[in-house]
Amino acid sequence: MLLDSASLYFRAYFGVPDSVRAPDGTPVNAVRGLLDFIGRLIQDHRPDDLVACWDNDWRPHWRVELIPSYKAHRVAVETAGDDPDEEEVPDTLSPQVPVIEEVLEALGIARVGADGYEADDVIGTLAGRAEGPVDIVTGDRDLFQLVDDARRRRVLYPLKGVGTLQVTDEAWLRQKYGVDGPGYADLALLRGDPSDGLPGVPGVGEKTAAKLLEAYGDLAGIMAAVDDPRSKLTPAQRKRLDEARGYLAVAPKVVRVAPDVPLPEFDPALPAEPRDPERLAELAARWGLGGALSRLLATLPR
């Protein structure tokens, strides 16, 4: 089981009231919410291995070089001289992230990231390496591109907490979007995604993108049709796609997850007991995490 950690702790932060606080009054709603999420996932799905995949770089420079608008709206530049790569996040969430890191470390749950890459890339690399079935838990639809029934790769998409998950397999993707996993990446880059700063092809929405992919197979097939005067593209479609060649030449590298991220060595096995019980007890007392940690610990395969 691969966790898109930031996606889950953002959901926890906005789903758990900020009245949930440590003894000193510091909000810990994201920390406690994430621990409850992980405990529920272990309880319901019993993974042998569990990896909290991390954004070491949520807006990699190599992606921004290809598409400068990539996640640009998430960058907070309040005054000249501010770090242009500082993501705008709620002030009460940022201080909770180091606490999450410390708690995962004390628990012995693997937390894996790679410099210059997003958690999506870590997930794509680990899913590619795994020999057995893989469940990817994320609220980010971009990872639908990794769905692969033959290799037993599916996405568990939270609808309400993690107790109600949309099980995303190829049948669901075809019913919803008319594409398979790899086809979802092509659909996403054609359609565009304002939340990620991807402009897409003007005039090509989700339904048109799905129809183009159904007719021509993939992005390469669509562009071959643009160059083929005998193809059945409408004049407007041909013109729009032709004018978007520059974007379409670089968008696949930005949208598709990197499959070969260099990762540190780590043990993905779900721990049977905490790695550092004393440190975990200290963190539980300092941050008021007793209940959430007790529930999580009760799910571990003792």
C-alpha atoms as a PDB file:
ATOM      1  CA  MET A   1       0.000   0.000   0.000  1.00  0.00           C
ATOM      2  CA  LEU A   2       1.416   3.340  -1.140  1.00  0.00           C
ATOM      3  CA  LEU A   3       0.156   6.505   0.554  1.00  0.00           C
ATOM      4  CA  ASP A   4       0.123   9.878  -1.150  1.00  0.00           C
ATOM      5  CA  SER A   5       0.986  11.423   2.198  1.00  0.00           C
ATOM      6  CA  ALA A   6       0.398  15.124   1.502  1.00  0.00           C
ATOM      7  CA  SER A   7      -2.952  14.379  -0.141  1.00  0.00           C
ATOM      8  CA  LEU A   8      -4.029  12.484   2.966  1.00  0.00           C
ATOM      9  CA  TYR A   9      -2.791  14.925   5.583  1.00  0.00           C
ATOM     10  CA  PHE A  10      -4.405  17.825   3.689  1.00  0.00           C
ATOM     11  CA  ARG A  11      -7.681  15.885   3.798  1.00  0.00           C
ATOM     12  CA  ALA A  12      -7.168  15.187   7.476  1.00  0.00           C
ATOM     13  CA  TYR A  13      -6.437  18.857   8.151  1.00  0.00           C
ATOM     14  CA  PHE A  14      -9.622  20.040   6.473  1.00  0.00           C
ATOM     15  CA  GLY A  15     -11.720  17.121   7.729  1.00  0.00           C
ATOM     16  CA  VAL A  16     -10.815  17.258  11.429  1.00  0.00           C
ATOM     17  CA  PRO A  17     -11.688  20.439  13.387  1.00  0.00           C
ATOM     18  CA  ASP A  18      -8.739  22.619  14.390  1.00  0.00           C
ATOM     19  CA  SER A  19     -10.143  22.522  17.900  1.00  0.00           C
ATOM     20  CA  VAL A  20      -8.251  19.217  18.137  1.00  0.00           C
ATOM     21  CA  ARG A  21      -5.138  20.486  19.908  1.00  0.00           C
ATOM     22  CA  ALA A  22      -2.085  19.420  21.868  1.00  0.00           C
ATOM     23  CA  PRO A  23      -1.882  20.123  25.602  1.00  0.00           C
ATOM     24  CA  ASP A  24      -0.089  23.405  24.854  1.00  0.00           C
ATOM     25  CA  GLY A  25      -2.909  24.514  22.526  1.00  0.00           C
ATOM     26  CA  THR A  26      -1.120  23.768  19.212  1.00  0.00           C
ATOM     27  CA  PRO A  27      -3.500  22.362  16.550  1.00  0.00           C
ATOM     28  CA  VAL A  28      -2.768  18.699  15.778  1.00  0.00           C
ATOM     29  CA  ASN A  29      -5.847  17.916  13.679  1.00  0.00           C
ATOM     30  CA  ALA A  30      -3.789  16.901  10.635  1.00  0.00           C
ATOM     31  CA  VAL A  31      -1.535  14.648  12.733  1.00  0.00           C
ATOM     32  CA  ARG A  32      -4.341  12.870  14.535  1.00  0.00           C
ATOM     33  CA  GLY A  33      -6.485  12.688  11.430  1.00  0.00           C
ATOM     34  CA  LEU A  34      -3.682  11.104   9.411  1.00  0.00           C
ATOM     35  CA  LEU A  35      -2.942   8.559  12.146  1.00  0.00           C
ATOM     36  CA  ASP A  36      -6.611   7.588  12.183  1.00  0.00           C
ATOM     37  CA  PHE A  37      -6.561   7.337   8.378  1.00  0.00           C
ATOM     38  CA  ILE A  38      -3.557   4.997   8.474  1.00  0.00           C
ATOM     39  CA  GLY A  39      -5.083   2.883  11.239  1.00  0.00           C
ATOM     40  CA  ARG A  40      -8.332   2.521   9.292  1.00  0.00           C
ATOM     41  CA  LEU A  41      -6.480   1.599   6.108  1.00  0.00           C
ATOM     42  CA  ILE A  42      -4.470  -1.084   7.910  1.00  0.00           C
ATOM     43  CA  GLN A  43      -7.573  -2.430   9.611  1.00  0.00           C
ATOM     44  CA  ASP A  44      -9.656  -2.573   6.431  1.00  0.00           C
ATOM     45  CA  HIS A  45      -7.026  -3.686   3.902  1.00  0.00           C
ATOM     46  CA  ARG A  46      -4.307  -5.533   5.862  1.00  0.00           C
ATOM     47  CA  PRO A  47      -1.323  -4.555   3.676  1.00  0.00           C
ATOM     48  CA  ASP A  48       1.917  -6.471   4.145  1.00  0.00           C
ATOM     49  CA  ASP A  49       3.929  -3.384   3.181  1.00  0.00           C
ATOM     50  CA  LEU A  50       3.006   0.250   3.747  1.00  0.00           C
ATOM     51  CA  VAL A  51       4.965   3.251   2.449  1.00  0.00           C
ATOM     52  CA  ALA A  52       4.210   6.902   3.175  1.00  0.00           C
ATOM     53  CA  CYS A  53       5.378   8.518  -0.075  1.00  0.00           C
ATOM     54  CA  TRP A  54       6.652  12.071   0.387  1.00  0.00           C
ATOM     55  CA  ASP A  55       6.920  15.281  -1.607  1.00  0.00           C
ATOM     56  CA  ASN A  56      10.586  16.191  -1.255  1.00  0.00           C
ATOM     57  CA  ASP A  57       9.863  18.730  -3.994  1.00  0.00           C
ATOM     58  CA  TRP A  58       6.202  19.511  -4.658  1.00  0.00           C
ATOM     59  CA  ARG A  59       7.041  21.657  -7.724  1.00  0.00           C
ATOM     60  CA  PRO A  60      10.166  20.213  -9.370  1.00  0.00           C
ATOM     61  CA  HIS A  61      12.228  22.673 -11.399  1.00  0.00           C
ATOM     62  CA  TRP A  62      12.415  20.308 -14.370  1.00  0.00           C
ATOM     63  CA  ARG A  63       8.625  20.305 -14.646  1.00  0.00           C
ATOM     64  CA  VAL A  64       8.431  24.095 -14.307  1.00  0.00           C
ATOM     65  CA  GLU A  65      11.058  24.516 -17.043  1.00  0.00           C
ATOM     66  CA  LEU A  66       8.824  22.560 -19.408  1.00  0.00           C
ATOM     67  CA  ILE A  67       5.543  24.252 -18.391  1.00  0.00           C
ATOM     68  CA  PRO A  68       6.174  27.451 -16.379  1.00  0.00           C
ATOM     69  CA  SER A  69       2.551  27.615 -15.214  1.00  0.00           C
ATOM     70  CA  TYR A  70       2.870  24.232 -13.481  1.00  0.00           C
ATOM     71  CA  LYS A  71       1.405  24.694  -9.983  1.00  0.00           C
ATOM     72  CA  ALA A  72       2.227  28.408 -10.270  1.00  0.00           C
ATOM     73  CA  HIS A  73      -1.021  29.458  -8.591  1.00  0.00           C
ATOM     74  CA  ARG A  74       0.030  27.546  -5.459  1.00  0.00           C
ATOM     75  CA  VAL A  75       3.154  29.603  -5.017  1.00  0.00           C
ATOM     76  CA  ALA A  76       2.865  32.344  -2.420  1.00  0.00           C
ATOM     77  CA  VAL A  77       4.861  35.456  -3.247  1.00  0.00           C
ATOM     78  CA  GLU A  78       3.624  38.040  -0.816  1.00  0.00           C
ATOM     79  CA  THR A  79       6.524  40.458  -1.096  1.00  0.00           C
ATOM     80  CA  ALA A  80       9.542  40.873  -3.325  1.00  0.00           C
ATOM     81  CA  GLY A  81      12.319  38.644  -2.141  1.00  0.00           C
ATOM     82  CA  ASP A  82      10.078  35.852  -0.844  1.00  0.00           C
ATOM     83  CA  ASP A  83      11.010  32.328  -1.867  1.00  0.00           C
ATOM     84  CA  PRO A  84       9.127  31.775  -5.153  1.00  0.00           C
ATOM     85  CA  ASP A  85       8.847  28.066  -4.418  1.00  0.00           C
ATOM     86  CA  GLU A  86       7.143  28.459  -1.066  1.00  0.00           C
ATOM     87  CA  GLU A  87       3.749  26.770  -1.258  1.00  0.00           C
ATOM     88  CA  GLU A  88       0.850  28.680   0.252  1.00  0.00           C
ATOM     89  CA  VAL A  89      -0.558  26.412   2.952  1.00  0.00           C
ATOM     90  CA  PRO A  90      -2.557  27.199   6.079  1.00  0.00           C
ATOM     91  CA  ASP A  91      -0.276  28.432   8.849  1.00  0.00           C
ATOM     92  CA  THR A  92      -1.612  25.851  11.301  1.00  0.00           C
ATOM     93  CA  LEU A  93      -0.843  22.959   8.935  1.00  0.00           C
ATOM     94  CA  SER A  94       2.830  23.634   8.172  1.00  0.00           C
ATOM     95  CA  PRO A  95       4.014  23.145  11.783  1.00  0.00           C
ATOM     96  CA  GLN A  96       2.225  19.788  11.919  1.00  0.00           C
ATOM     97  CA  VAL A  97       4.195  18.235   9.056  1.00  0.00           C
ATOM     98  CA  PRO A  98       7.435  17.773  11.053  1.00  0.00           C
ATOM     99  CA  VAL A  99       5.376  16.157  13.825  1.00  0.00           C
ATOM    100  CA  ILE A 100       3.937  13.707  11.291  1.00  0.00           C
ATOM    101  CA  GLU A 101       7.483  12.899  10.148  1.00  0.00           C
ATOM    102  CA  GLU A 102       8.650  12.262  13.715  1.00  0.00           C
ATOM    103  CA  VAL A 103       5.673  10.050  14.536  1.00  0.00           C
ATOM    104  CA  LEU A 104       6.076   7.928  11.392  1.00  0.00           C
ATOM    105  CA  GLU A 105       9.775   7.525  12.197  1.00  0.00           C
ATOM    106  CA  ALA A 106       9.069   6.398  15.760  1.00  0.00           C
ATOM    107  CA  LEU A 107       6.372   4.020  14.542  1.00  0.00           C
ATOM    108  CA  GLY A 108       8.708   2.483  11.975  1.00  0.00           C
ATOM    109  CA  ILE A 109       6.423   3.205   9.027  1.00  0.00           C
ATOM    110  CA  ALA A 110       8.556   3.814   5.955  1.00  0.00           C
ATOM    111  CA  ARG A 111       8.518   7.419   4.716  1.00  0.00           C
ATOM    112  CA  VAL A 112      10.152   7.731   1.314  1.00  0.00           C
ATOM    113  CA  GLY A 113      10.880  10.734  -0.882  1.00  0.00           C
ATOM    114  CA  ALA A 114      13.479  11.758  -3.433  1.00  0.00           C
ATOM    115  CA  ASP A 115      15.058  15.170  -3.970  1.00  0.00           C
ATOM    116  CA  GLY A 116      13.739  16.822  -7.101  1.00  0.00           C
ATOM    117  CA  TYR A 117      10.633  14.656  -7.276  1.00  0.00           C
ATOM    118  CA  GLU A 118       7.046  14.620  -6.085  1.00  0.00           C
ATOM    119  CA  ALA A 119       5.341  11.873  -4.123  1.00  0.00           C
ATOM    120  CA  ASP A 120       3.540  10.906  -7.360  1.00  0.00           C
ATOM    121  CA  ASP A 121       6.904  10.010  -8.886  1.00  0.00           C
ATOM    122  CA  VAL A 122       7.883   7.955  -5.844  1.00  0.00           C
ATOM    123  CA  ILE A 123       4.559   6.124  -6.079  1.00  0.00           C
ATOM    124  CA  GLY A 124       5.012   5.492  -9.802  1.00  0.00           C
ATOM    125  CA  THR A 125       8.505   4.111  -9.263  1.00  0.00           C
ATOM    126  CA  LEU A 126       7.503   1.833  -6.386  1.00  0.00           C
ATOM    127  CA  ALA A 127       4.397   0.614  -8.207  1.00  0.00           C
ATOM    128  CA  GLY A 128       6.591  -0.245 -11.185  1.00  0.00           C
ATOM    129  CA  ARG A 129       9.063  -2.163  -9.051  1.00  0.00           C
ATOM    130  CA  ALA A 130       6.556  -4.137  -6.983  1.00  0.00           C
ATOM    131  CA  GLU A 131       5.983  -7.774  -7.819  1.00  0.00           C
ATOM    132  CA  GLY A 132       2.688  -8.212  -5.980  1.00  0.00           C
ATOM    133  CA  PRO A 133      -0.572  -6.241  -6.000  1.00  0.00           C
ATOM    134  CA  VAL A 134      -0.410  -2.528  -5.142  1.00  0.00           C
ATOM    135  CA  ASP A 135      -3.061  -0.262  -3.654  1.00  0.00           C
ATOM    136  CA  ILE A 136      -2.390   3.470  -4.071  1.00  0.00           C
ATOM    137  CA  VAL A 137      -4.288   5.688  -1.624  1.00  0.00           C
ATOM    138  CA  THR A 138      -4.656   9.229  -2.911  1.00  0.00           C
ATOM    139  CA  GLY A 139      -7.103  12.052  -3.418  1.00  0.00           C
ATOM    140  CA  ASP A 140      -5.215  13.055  -6.582  1.00  0.00           C
ATOM    141  CA  ARG A 141      -6.825  11.824  -9.795  1.00  0.00           C
ATOM    142  CA  ASP A 142      -3.512  12.207 -11.650  1.00  0.00           C
ATOM    143  CA  LEU A 143      -2.514   8.832 -10.226  1.00  0.00           C
ATOM    144  CA  PHE A 144      -5.355   7.116 -12.092  1.00  0.00           C
ATOM    145  CA  GLN A 145      -2.722   6.756 -14.822  1.00  0.00           C
ATOM    146  CA  LEU A 146      -1.121   3.951 -12.774  1.00  0.00           C
ATOM    147  CA  VAL A 147      -4.230   1.739 -12.776  1.00  0.00           C
ATOM    148  CA  ASP A 148      -3.375  -1.597 -14.390  1.00  0.00           C
ATOM    149  CA  ASP A 149      -5.591  -4.651 -13.897  1.00  0.00           C
ATOM    150  CA  ALA A 150      -3.058  -7.065 -15.390  1.00  0.00           C
ATOM    151  CA  ARG A 151      -0.431  -6.016 -12.834  1.00  0.00           C
ATOM    152  CA  ARG A 152      -3.005  -5.610 -10.035  1.00  0.00           C
ATOM    153  CA  ARG A 153      -2.498  -1.877  -9.597  1.00  0.00           C
ATOM    154  CA  ARG A 154      -5.510   0.078  -8.389  1.00  0.00           C
ATOM    155  CA  VAL A 155      -6.190   3.468  -6.811  1.00  0.00           C
ATOM    156  CA  LEU A 156      -8.222   3.821  -3.627  1.00  0.00           C
ATOM    157  CA  TYR A 157      -9.693   7.315  -3.803  1.00  0.00           C
ATOM    158  CA  PRO A 158     -11.155   8.688  -0.540  1.00  0.00           C
ATOM    159  CA  LEU A 159     -14.748   9.839  -0.842  1.00  0.00           C
ATOM    160  CA  LYS A 160     -15.369  10.358   2.871  1.00  0.00           C
ATOM    161  CA  GLY A 161     -12.304   9.992   5.052  1.00  0.00           C
ATOM    162  CA  VAL A 162     -10.761   6.652   4.183  1.00  0.00           C
ATOM    163  CA  GLY A 163     -13.705   4.619   5.406  1.00  0.00           C
ATOM    164  CA  THR A 164     -15.432   5.100   2.071  1.00  0.00           C
ATOM    165  CA  LEU A 165     -13.031   4.570  -0.819  1.00  0.00           C
ATOM    166  CA  GLN A 166     -13.695   4.575  -4.543  1.00  0.00           C
ATOM    167  CA  VAL A 167     -11.910   1.489  -5.852  1.00  0.00           C
ATOM    168  CA  THR A 168     -10.521   2.669  -9.172  1.00  0.00           C
ATOM    169  CA  ASP A 169      -9.742  -0.117 -11.629  1.00  0.00           C
ATOM    170  CA  GLU A 170      -9.799  -0.267 -15.435  1.00  0.00           C
ATOM    171  CA  ALA A 171     -13.524  -1.013 -15.572  1.00  0.00           C
ATOM    172  CA  TRP A 172     -14.274   2.087 -13.487  1.00  0.00           C
ATOM    173  CA  LEU A 173     -11.968   4.265 -15.597  1.00  0.00           C
ATOM    174  CA  ARG A 174     -13.545   3.096 -18.845  1.00  0.00           C
ATOM    175  CA  GLN A 175     -17.039   3.647 -17.506  1.00  0.00           C
ATOM    176  CA  LYS A 176     -16.209   7.118 -16.181  1.00  0.00           C
ATOM    177  CA  TYR A 177     -13.731   8.456 -18.745  1.00  0.00           C
ATOM    178  CA  GLY A 178     -13.611   5.924 -21.592  1.00  0.00           C
ATOM    179  CA  VAL A 179      -9.865   5.320 -21.138  1.00  0.00           C
ATOM    180  CA  ASP A 180      -7.478   2.928 -19.389  1.00  0.00           C
ATOM    181  CA  GLY A 181      -4.730   3.929 -16.956  1.00  0.00           C
ATOM    182  CA  PRO A 182      -2.109   5.216 -19.436  1.00  0.00           C
ATOM    183  CA  GLY A 183      -4.920   6.791 -21.433  1.00  0.00           C
ATOM    184  CA  TYR A 184      -5.902   8.863 -18.405  1.00  0.00           C
ATOM    185  CA  ALA A 185      -2.586  10.734 -18.561  1.00  0.00           C
ATOM    186  CA  ASP A 186      -3.234  11.633 -22.212  1.00  0.00           C
ATOM    187  CA  LEU A 187      -6.791  12.668 -21.384  1.00  0.00           C
ATOM    188  CA  ALA A 188      -5.559  14.852 -18.525  1.00  0.00           C
ATOM    189  CA  LEU A 189      -2.970  16.701 -20.584  1.00  0.00           C
ATOM    190  CA  LEU A 190      -5.407  17.268 -23.472  1.00  0.00           C
ATOM    191  CA  ARG A 191      -8.162  18.471 -21.136  1.00  0.00           C
ATOM    192  CA  GLY A 192      -5.835  20.456 -18.919  1.00  0.00           C
ATOM    193  CA  ASP A 193      -6.046  20.866 -15.165  1.00  0.00           C
ATOM    194  CA  PRO A 194      -6.356  24.348 -13.649  1.00  0.00           C
ATOM    195  CA  SER A 195      -5.497  22.995 -10.195  1.00  0.00           C
ATOM    196  CA  ASP A 196      -2.056  21.984 -11.503  1.00  0.00           C
ATOM    197  CA  GLY A 197      -1.589  24.927 -13.872  1.00  0.00           C
ATOM    198  CA  LEU A 198      -1.861  22.739 -16.990  1.00  0.00           C
ATOM    199  CA  PRO A 199      -3.445  24.783 -19.807  1.00  0.00           C
ATOM    200  CA  GLY A 200      -4.570  21.842 -21.931  1.00  0.00           C
ATOM    201  CA  VAL A 201      -5.636  22.306 -25.556  1.00  0.00           C
ATOM    202  CA  PRO A 202      -8.047  25.232 -25.892  1.00  0.00           C
ATOM    203  CA  GLY A 203     -11.478  23.992 -26.903  1.00  0.00           C
ATOM    204  CA  VAL A 204     -10.747  20.370 -25.979  1.00  0.00           C
ATOM    205  CA  GLY A 205     -12.633  19.374 -22.869  1.00  0.00           C
ATOM    206  CA  GLU A 206     -12.922  16.017 -21.170  1.00  0.00           C
ATOM    207  CA  LYS A 207     -15.542  14.548 -23.517  1.00  0.00           C
ATOM    208  CA  THR A 208     -13.745  15.664 -26.673  1.00  0.00           C
ATOM    209  CA  ALA A 209     -10.431  14.352 -25.337  1.00  0.00           C
ATOM    210  CA  ALA A 210     -12.045  10.970 -24.586  1.00  0.00           C
ATOM    211  CA  LYS A 211     -13.533  10.793 -28.087  1.00  0.00           C
ATOM    212  CA  LEU A 212     -10.200  11.651 -29.688  1.00  0.00           C
ATOM    213  CA  LEU A 213      -8.450   8.944 -27.677  1.00  0.00           C
ATOM    214  CA  GLU A 214     -11.148   6.427 -28.552  1.00  0.00           C
ATOM    215  CA  ALA A 215     -10.739   7.244 -32.239  1.00  0.00           C
ATOM    216  CA  TYR A 216      -6.933   7.465 -32.438  1.00  0.00           C
ATOM    217  CA  GLY A 217      -5.654   5.420 -29.490  1.00  0.00           C
ATOM    218  CA  ASP A 218      -3.212   7.761 -27.787  1.00  0.00           C
ATOM    219  CA  LEU A 219      -1.599  11.180 -28.077  1.00  0.00           C
ATOM    220  CA  ALA A 220       0.808   9.997 -30.776  1.00  0.00           C
ATOM    221  CA  GLY A 221      -2.120   8.660 -32.785  1.00  0.00           C
ATOM    222  CA  ILE A 222      -3.996  11.939 -32.408  1.00  0.00           C
ATOM    223  CA  MET A 223      -1.023  13.969 -33.628  1.00  0.00           C
ATOM    224  CA  ALA A 224      -0.563  11.574 -36.554  1.00  0.00           C
ATOM    225  CA  ALA A 225      -4.199  12.289 -37.439  1.00  0.00           C
ATOM    226  CA  VAL A 226      -3.473  16.028 -37.332  1.00  0.00           C
ATOM    227  CA  ASP A 227      -0.824  15.472 -40.016  1.00  0.00           C
ATOM    228  CA  ASP A 228      -3.064  13.187 -42.087  1.00  0.00           C
ATOM    229  CA  PRO A 229      -5.399  15.187 -44.325  1.00  0.00           C
ATOM    230  CA  ARG A 230      -7.547  12.067 -44.733  1.00  0.00           C
ATOM    231  CA  SER A 231      -8.301  11.755 -41.009  1.00  0.00           C
ATOM    232  CA  LYS A 232     -11.754  12.551 -39.702  1.00  0.00           C
ATOM    233  CA  LEU A 233     -10.691  15.369 -37.406  1.00  0.00           C
ATOM    234  CA  THR A 234     -12.893  18.422 -37.774  1.00  0.00           C
ATOM    235  CA  PRO A 235     -11.145  21.523 -39.146  1.00  0.00           C
ATOM    236  CA  ALA A 236     -11.473  23.192 -35.727  1.00  0.00           C
ATOM    237  CA  GLN A 237      -9.953  20.206 -33.921  1.00  0.00           C
ATOM    238  CA  ARG A 238      -7.092  19.977 -36.386  1.00  0.00           C
ATOM    239  CA  LYS A 239      -6.346  23.682 -36.008  1.00  0.00           C
ATOM    240  CA  ARG A 240      -6.456  23.624 -32.191  1.00  0.00           C
ATOM    241  CA  LEU A 241      -4.248  20.564 -31.907  1.00  0.00           C
ATOM    242  CA  ASP A 242      -1.796  21.895 -34.471  1.00  0.00           C
ATOM    243  CA  GLU A 243      -1.500  25.208 -32.633  1.00  0.00           C
ATOM    244  CA  ALA A 244      -0.910  23.341 -29.359  1.00  0.00           C
ATOM    245  CA  ARG A 245       2.054  21.313 -30.668  1.00  0.00           C
ATOM    246  CA  GLY A 246       4.555  23.065 -28.415  1.00  0.00           C
ATOM    247  CA  TYR A 247       2.534  22.317 -25.300  1.00  0.00           C
ATOM    248  CA  LEU A 248       1.747  18.752 -26.377  1.00  0.00           C
ATOM    249  CA  ALA A 249       5.433  18.051 -27.009  1.00  0.00           C
ATOM    250  CA  VAL A 250       6.370  18.680 -23.367  1.00  0.00           C
ATOM    251  CA  ALA A 251       3.150  17.980 -21.466  1.00  0.00           C
ATOM    252  CA  PRO A 252       3.569  14.178 -21.357  1.00  0.00           C
ATOM    253  CA  LYS A 253       6.805  14.457 -19.375  1.00  0.00           C
ATOM    254  CA  VAL A 254       5.130  16.828 -16.921  1.00  0.00           C
ATOM    255  CA  VAL A 255       1.873  14.886 -16.504  1.00  0.00           C
ATOM    256  CA  ARG A 256       3.185  11.328 -16.475  1.00  0.00           C
ATOM    257  CA  VAL A 257       4.789  10.177 -13.253  1.00  0.00           C
ATOM    258  CA  ALA A 258       8.498   9.467 -13.371  1.00  0.00           C
ATOM    259  CA  PRO A 259       8.974   5.669 -13.359  1.00  0.00           C
ATOM    260  CA  ASP A 260      12.636   5.553 -12.392  1.00  0.00           C
ATOM    261  CA  VAL A 261      13.214   7.822  -9.406  1.00  0.00           C
ATOM    262  CA  PRO A 262      16.438   7.062  -7.472  1.00  0.00           C
ATOM    263  CA  LEU A 263      15.231   6.059  -4.016  1.00  0.00           C
ATOM    264  CA  PRO A 264      17.097   5.403  -0.780  1.00  0.00           C
ATOM    265  CA  GLU A 265      17.129   1.943   0.715  1.00  0.00           C
ATOM    266  CA  PHE A 266      14.239   1.335   3.116  1.00  0.00           C
ATOM    267  CA  ASP A 267      12.160  -1.421   4.660  1.00  0.00           C
ATOM    268  CA  PRO A 268       8.555  -1.241   3.428  1.00  0.00           C
ATOM    269  CA  ALA A 269       7.234  -3.917   5.802  1.00  0.00           C
ATOM    270  CA  LEU A 270       4.420  -2.834   8.062  1.00  0.00           C
ATOM    271  CA  PRO A 271       5.964  -2.938  11.556  1.00  0.00           C
ATOM    272  CA  ALA A 272       4.600  -5.396  14.093  1.00  0.00           C
ATOM    273  CA  GLU A 273       5.443  -2.940  16.875  1.00  0.00           C
ATOM    274  CA  PRO A 274       6.849   0.592  17.133  1.00  0.00           C
ATOM    275  CA  ARG A 275      10.478   1.080  16.162  1.00  0.00           C
ATOM    276  CA  ASP A 276      11.087   3.473  19.075  1.00  0.00           C
ATOM    277  CA  PRO A 277       8.430   3.024  21.795  1.00  0.00           C
ATOM    278  CA  GLU A 278      10.033   5.546  24.157  1.00  0.00           C
ATOM    279  CA  ARG A 279      10.166   8.280  21.532  1.00  0.00           C
ATOM    280  CA  LEU A 280       6.604   7.458  20.483  1.00  0.00           C
ATOM    281  CA  ALA A 281       5.435   7.811  24.096  1.00  0.00           C
ATOM    282  CA  GLU A 282       7.164  11.198  24.330  1.00  0.00           C
ATOM    283  CA  LEU A 283       5.487  12.399  21.138  1.00  0.00           C
ATOM    284  CA  ALA A 284       2.108  11.080  22.265  1.00  0.00           C
ATOM    285  CA  ALA A 285       2.377  12.986  25.546  1.00  0.00           C
ATOM    286  CA  ARG A 286       3.698  16.215  24.035  1.00  0.00           C
ATOM    287  CA  TRP A 287       1.159  16.414  21.224  1.00  0.00           C
ATOM    288  CA  GLY A 288      -1.834  14.710  22.808  1.00  0.00           C
ATOM    289  CA  LEU A 289      -1.878  11.818  20.348  1.00  0.00           C
ATOM    290  CA  GLY A 290      -2.680   9.013  22.767  1.00  0.00           C
ATOM    291  CA  GLY A 291      -6.053   7.969  21.398  1.00  0.00           C
ATOM    292  CA  ALA A 292      -5.088   8.102  17.722  1.00  0.00           C
ATOM    293  CA  LEU A 293      -1.829   6.239  18.337  1.00  0.00           C
ATOM    294  CA  SER A 294      -3.532   3.585  20.463  1.00  0.00           C
ATOM    295  CA  ARG A 295      -6.054   2.928  17.691  1.00  0.00           C
ATOM    296  CA  LEU A 296      -3.297   2.672  15.087  1.00  0.00           C
ATOM    297  CA  LEU A 297      -1.090   0.436  17.229  1.00  0.00           C
ATOM    298  CA  ALA A 298      -4.024  -1.921  17.776  1.00  0.00           C
ATOM    299  CA  THR A 299      -4.151  -2.580  14.022  1.00  0.00           C
ATOM    300  CA  LEU A 300      -0.483  -3.596  13.661  1.00  0.00           C
ATOM    301  CA  PRO A 301       0.173  -7.301  12.887  1.00  0.00           C
ATOM    302  CA  ARG A 302       1.557  -8.235  16.294  1.00  0.00           C
END
